[in-house]
C-alpha atoms as a PDB file:
ATOM      1  CA  MET A   1      50.282  -3.667 -59.491  1.00  0.00           C
ATOM      2  CA  ARG A   2      49.782  -6.104 -56.904  1.00  0.00           C
ATOM      3  CA  THR A   3      52.355  -4.485 -54.457  1.00  0.00           C
ATOM      4  CA  SER A   4      50.468  -1.831 -54.862  1.00  0.00           C
ATOM      5  CA  THR A   5      46.813  -3.679 -53.803  1.00  0.00           C
ATOM      6  CA  ARG A   6      49.248  -5.104 -50.337  1.00  0.00           C
ATOM      7  CA  ARG A   7      50.343  -1.494 -49.533  1.00  0.00           C
ATOM      8  CA  ARG A   8      47.079  -0.183 -49.631  1.00  0.00           C
ATOM      9  CA  TYR A   9      46.288  -3.533 -47.492  1.00  0.00           C
ATOM     10  CA  ARG A  10      48.907  -2.663 -44.660  1.00  0.00           C
ATOM     11  CA  ASP A  11      47.286   0.951 -44.048  1.00  0.00           C
ATOM     12  CA  ILE A  12      44.479  -0.281 -43.455  1.00  0.00           C
ATOM     13  CA  ILE A  13      45.580  -2.321 -40.664  1.00  0.00           C
ATOM     14  CA  GLU A  14      48.276  -0.185 -39.287  1.00  0.00           C
ATOM     15  CA  ASN A  15      45.862   2.523 -39.207  1.00  0.00           C
ATOM     16  CA  ASP A  16      44.529   1.882 -35.232  1.00  0.00           C
ATOM     17  CA  LEU A  17      40.928   1.759 -34.114  1.00  0.00           C
ATOM     18  CA  GLU A  18      39.845   5.407 -32.482  1.00  0.00           C
ATOM     19  CA  ILE A  19      37.426   4.634 -29.662  1.00  0.00           C
ATOM     20  CA  MET A  20      37.262   8.111 -28.231  1.00  0.00           C
ATOM     21  CA  PRO A  21      34.343   9.219 -29.470  1.00  0.00           C
ATOM     22  CA  LEU A  22      32.358   6.602 -28.650  1.00  0.00           C
ATOM     23  CA  MET A  23      33.908   6.529 -25.300  1.00  0.00           C
ATOM     24  CA  ASN A  24      32.485  10.356 -24.778  1.00  0.00           C
ATOM     25  CA  LEU A  25      29.186   9.277 -25.949  1.00  0.00           C
ATOM     26  CA  PHE A  26      28.671   6.816 -22.659  1.00  0.00           C
ATOM     27  CA  VAL A  27      30.354   9.511 -20.804  1.00  0.00           C
ATOM     28  CA  ALA A  28      27.580  11.880 -21.458  1.00  0.00           C
ATOM     29  CA  LEU A  29      24.971   8.951 -21.817  1.00  0.00           C
ATOM     30  CA  ILE A  30      25.541   6.820 -18.943  1.00  0.00           C
ATOM     31  CA  PRO A  31      24.606  10.225 -16.413  1.00  0.00           C
ATOM     32  CA  MET A  32      21.729  11.392 -17.979  1.00  0.00           C
ATOM     33  CA  LEU A  33      20.745   7.444 -18.009  1.00  0.00           C
ATOM     34  CA  LEU A  34      21.316   7.823 -14.178  1.00  0.00           C
ATOM     35  CA  ILE A  35      18.847  11.201 -13.486  1.00  0.00           C
ATOM     36  CA  SER A  36      16.126  10.446 -16.115  1.00  0.00           C
ATOM     37  CA  ALA A  37      15.668   6.729 -13.416  1.00  0.00           C
ATOM     38  CA  VAL A  38      12.656   6.844 -11.528  1.00  0.00           C
ATOM     39  CA  PHE A  39      13.371   5.430  -8.229  1.00  0.00           C
ATOM     40  CA  LEU A  40      10.060   4.094  -5.874  1.00  0.00           C
ATOM     41  CA  ASN A  41       9.713   5.253  -2.507  1.00  0.00           C
ATOM     42  CA  VAL A  42       8.177   1.656  -0.530  1.00  0.00           C
ATOM     43  CA  THR A  43       6.447   1.987   2.094  1.00  0.00           C
ATOM     44  CA  VAL A  44       4.560  -0.638   5.088  1.00  0.00           C
ATOM     45  CA  ILE A  45       1.873  -0.664   6.020  1.00  0.00           C
ATOM     46  CA  ASP A  46       1.932  -1.172   9.568  1.00  0.00           C
ATOM     47  CA  MET A  47      -0.777  -4.055  10.775  1.00  0.00           C
ATOM     48  CA  LYS A  48      -1.092  -6.864  13.098  1.00  0.00           C
ATOM     49  CA  ALA A  49      -2.844 -10.315  13.394  1.00  0.00           C
ATOM     50  CA  PRO A  50      -5.973 -10.008  15.101  1.00  0.00           C
ATOM     51  CA  SER A  51      -5.219 -11.369  19.009  1.00  0.00           C
ATOM     52  CA  GLU A  52      -7.325 -14.930  19.647  1.00  0.00           C
ATOM     53  CA  ALA A  53      -6.390 -14.879  23.462  1.00  0.00           C
ATOM     54  CA  THR A  54      -8.858 -11.639  24.412  1.00  0.00           C
ATOM     55  CA  GLU A  55     -11.633 -13.041  22.055  1.00  0.00           C
ATOM     56  CA  ALA A  56     -11.400 -16.222  23.456  1.00  0.00           C
ATOM     57  CA  ASP A  57     -11.169 -15.878  27.297  1.00  0.00           C
ATOM     58  CA  GLY A  58     -13.479 -12.604  27.149  1.00  0.00           C
ATOM     59  CA  GLY A  59     -12.176 -11.902  29.658  1.00  0.00           C
ATOM     60  CA  ASP A  60     -11.107  -7.539  30.311  1.00  0.00           C
ATOM     61  CA  LYS A  61     -13.936  -6.370  28.637  1.00  0.00           C
ATOM     62  CA  LYS A  62     -11.840  -2.675  28.613  1.00  0.00           C
ATOM     63  CA  GLU A  63      -9.951  -4.176  25.483  1.00  0.00           C
ATOM     64  CA  ASN A  64     -12.882  -7.225  24.355  1.00  0.00           C
ATOM     65  CA  LEU A  65     -14.020  -4.294  22.075  1.00  0.00           C
ATOM     66  CA  ALA A  66     -13.755  -6.745  18.824  1.00  0.00           C
ATOM     67  CA  LEU A  67     -14.917  -3.207  16.838  1.00  0.00           C
ATOM     68  CA  ALA A  68     -15.047  -4.465  13.240  1.00  0.00           C
ATOM     69  CA  VAL A  69     -15.495  -2.546  10.093  1.00  0.00           C
ATOM     70  CA  THR A  70     -17.142  -5.084   7.163  1.00  0.00           C
ATOM     71  CA  ILE A  71     -16.323  -4.442   3.187  1.00  0.00           C
ATOM     72  CA  LYS A  72     -19.885  -5.780   1.964  1.00  0.00           C
ATOM     73  CA  ASP A  73     -20.517  -4.138  -1.654  1.00  0.00           C
ATOM     74  CA  ASP A  74     -23.212  -1.901  -1.499  1.00  0.00           C
ATOM     75  CA  TYR A  75     -21.982  -0.813   2.385  1.00  0.00           C
ATOM     76  CA  PHE A  76     -19.912  -1.041   5.510  1.00  0.00           C
ATOM     77  CA  VAL A  77     -21.444  -2.561   9.153  1.00  0.00           C
ATOM     78  CA  VAL A  78     -19.581  -0.996  11.640  1.00  0.00           C
ATOM     79  CA  GLU A  79     -20.252  -3.427  14.572  1.00  0.00           C
ATOM     80  CA  GLY A  80     -18.848  -4.979  17.930  1.00  0.00           C
ATOM     81  CA  ARG A  81     -19.808  -5.725  21.529  1.00  0.00           C
ATOM     82  CA  ARG A  82     -21.199  -3.612  23.371  1.00  0.00           C
ATOM     83  CA  ILE A  83     -22.133  -1.171  20.859  1.00  0.00           C
ATOM     84  CA  SER A  84     -24.634  -0.863  17.634  1.00  0.00           C
ATOM     85  CA  LYS A  85     -24.675  -1.740  14.335  1.00  0.00           C
ATOM     86  CA  ARG A  86     -24.152   0.337  11.666  1.00  0.00           C
ATOM     87  CA  VAL A  87     -24.685  -0.040   8.682  1.00  0.00           C
ATOM     88  CA  ILE A  88     -23.477   2.940   5.758  1.00  0.00           C
ATOM     89  CA  SER A  89     -24.471   3.253   2.003  1.00  0.00           C
ATOM     90  CA  ARG A  90     -21.775   3.251   0.394  1.00  0.00           C
ATOM     91  CA  ALA A  91     -23.932   4.898  -2.328  1.00  0.00           C
ATOM     92  CA  ASP A  92     -24.126   7.711  -0.308  1.00  0.00           C
ATOM     93  CA  GLU A  93     -20.791  10.412  -1.606  1.00  0.00           C
ATOM     94  CA  ASP A  94     -20.224  11.137   0.991  1.00  0.00           C
ATOM     95  CA  ALA A  95     -19.692   7.371   3.293  1.00  0.00           C
ATOM     96  CA  GLU A  96     -16.050   7.734   4.466  1.00  0.00           C
ATOM     97  CA  ILE A  97     -16.994  10.436   6.262  1.00  0.00           C
ATOM     98  CA  GLN A  98     -19.897   9.151   7.770  1.00  0.00           C
ATOM     99  CA  LEU A  99     -17.834   5.987   8.343  1.00  0.00           C
ATOM    100  CA  ALA A 100     -14.964   8.092   9.941  1.00  0.00           C
ATOM    101  CA  GLY A 101     -18.394   9.216  12.383  1.00  0.00           C
ATOM    102  CA  ALA A 102     -20.006   6.671  13.551  1.00  0.00           C
ATOM    103  CA  LEU A 103     -15.460   5.539  14.093  1.00  0.00           C
ATOM    104  CA  ALA A 104     -14.917   8.573  16.016  1.00  0.00           C
ATOM    105  CA  ASP A 105     -18.001   8.151  17.846  1.00  0.00           C
ATOM    106  CA  VAL A 106     -17.436   4.411  19.427  1.00  0.00           C
ATOM    107  CA  VAL A 107     -13.624   6.329  19.992  1.00  0.00           C
ATOM    108  CA  ALA A 108     -15.909   8.048  22.682  1.00  0.00           C
ATOM    109  CA  GLN A 109     -17.828   6.039  23.984  1.00  0.00           C
ATOM    110  CA  TYR A 110     -14.319   3.613  24.597  1.00  0.00           C
ATOM    111  CA  PRO A 111     -11.369   5.568  24.795  1.00  0.00           C
ATOM    112  CA  ASP A 112      -9.090   3.054  25.748  1.00  0.00           C
ATOM    113  CA  ASN A 113      -9.947   1.040  22.558  1.00  0.00           C
ATOM    114  CA  ARG A 114      -7.010   0.720  19.698  1.00  0.00           C
ATOM    115  CA  ASP A 115      -8.004  -1.835  17.893  1.00  0.00           C
ATOM    116  CA  VAL A 116     -10.560  -2.289  14.488  1.00  0.00           C
ATOM    117  CA  MET A 117     -10.762  -5.134  12.909  1.00  0.00           C
ATOM    118  CA  ILE A 118     -11.559  -4.619   9.174  1.00  0.00           C
ATOM    119  CA  ILE A 119     -13.203  -7.733   7.488  1.00  0.00           C
ATOM    120  CA  SER A 120     -13.183  -7.948   3.375  1.00  0.00           C
ATOM    121  CA  GLN A 121     -14.287  -9.661   0.843  1.00  0.00           C
ATOM    122  CA  PRO A 122     -12.890 -12.428  -1.324  1.00  0.00           C
ATOM    123  CA  GLN A 123     -14.333  -9.205  -4.141  1.00  0.00           C
ATOM    124  CA  THR A 124     -13.245  -6.410  -2.162  1.00  0.00           C
ATOM    125  CA  LEU A 125     -10.752  -4.017  -4.317  1.00  0.00           C
ATOM    126  CA  TYR A 126      -6.863  -3.335  -2.668  1.00  0.00           C
ATOM    127  CA  THR A 127      -7.919   1.048  -2.626  1.00  0.00           C
ATOM    128  CA  ASP A 128     -11.513   0.051  -0.734  1.00  0.00           C
ATOM    129  CA  ILE A 129      -9.210  -1.603   1.833  1.00  0.00           C
ATOM    130  CA  ILE A 130      -6.754   0.991   2.097  1.00  0.00           C
ATOM    131  CA  SER A 131      -9.582   3.652   2.410  1.00  0.00           C
ATOM    132  CA  VAL A 132     -10.983   2.275   5.178  1.00  0.00           C
ATOM    133  CA  MET A 133      -7.506   1.209   6.752  1.00  0.00           C
ATOM    134  CA  ASP A 134      -7.279   4.839   6.732  1.00  0.00           C
ATOM    135  CA  VAL A 135     -10.716   6.358   7.978  1.00  0.00           C
ATOM    136  CA  SER A 136     -10.103   4.437  10.848  1.00  0.00           C
ATOM    137  CA  ARG A 137      -6.547   5.355  11.750  1.00  0.00           C
ATOM    138  CA  ASP A 138      -7.341   9.054  10.882  1.00  0.00           C
ATOM    139  CA  SER A 139     -10.389   8.466  14.147  1.00  0.00           C
ATOM    140  CA  GLY A 140      -8.449   7.361  16.021  1.00  0.00           C
ATOM    141  CA  LEU A 141      -8.256   3.499  15.551  1.00  0.00           C
ATOM    142  CA  PRO A 142      -4.275   3.393  15.188  1.00  0.00           C
ATOM    143  CA  SER A 143      -3.841  -0.559  15.771  1.00  0.00           C
ATOM    144  CA  VAL A 144      -5.678  -1.789  12.646  1.00  0.00           C
ATOM    145  CA  SER A 145      -6.181  -5.846  11.415  1.00  0.00           C
ATOM    146  CA  LEU A 146      -7.306  -7.593   8.057  1.00  0.00           C
ATOM    147  CA  LEU A 147      -9.494 -10.727   8.010  1.00  0.00           C
ATOM    148  CA  GLY A 148     -11.564 -12.074   5.521  1.00  0.00           C
ATOM    149  CA  ALA A 149     -14.874 -13.066   5.012  1.00  0.00           C
ATOM    150  CA  ASP A 150     -15.653 -16.284   3.118  1.00  0.00           C
END
């Protein structure tokens, strides 16, 4: 009886391990995972640092408008040299339209100016900054710089 148990043990050991079903699973699973993967598009927001040289020397007045949009909790402030200060309430439904109109007025009045500074508070939301950047670019001010207020 002892020989029969040894023989069974040898039969079990001599059989090859079949990994073909597992390989078939991987062949089907890997392309499925690659197809279902989500790839993110990363975009860059073009910005430039505010130029200290044009502000400090006060030379050419056409370049030195110093247009700024300040984002406060309750309102936007559009101000600069040689333009009147405009305060736009953020509680209005059409606040972004009013801001776009104010910036378009400045562009119409000073067509050589392409710069705008966005001044944000420490608690200003990122989405608010981006929406003001979009409004300023749509209004004809492609060169945007970002400043932080204390």
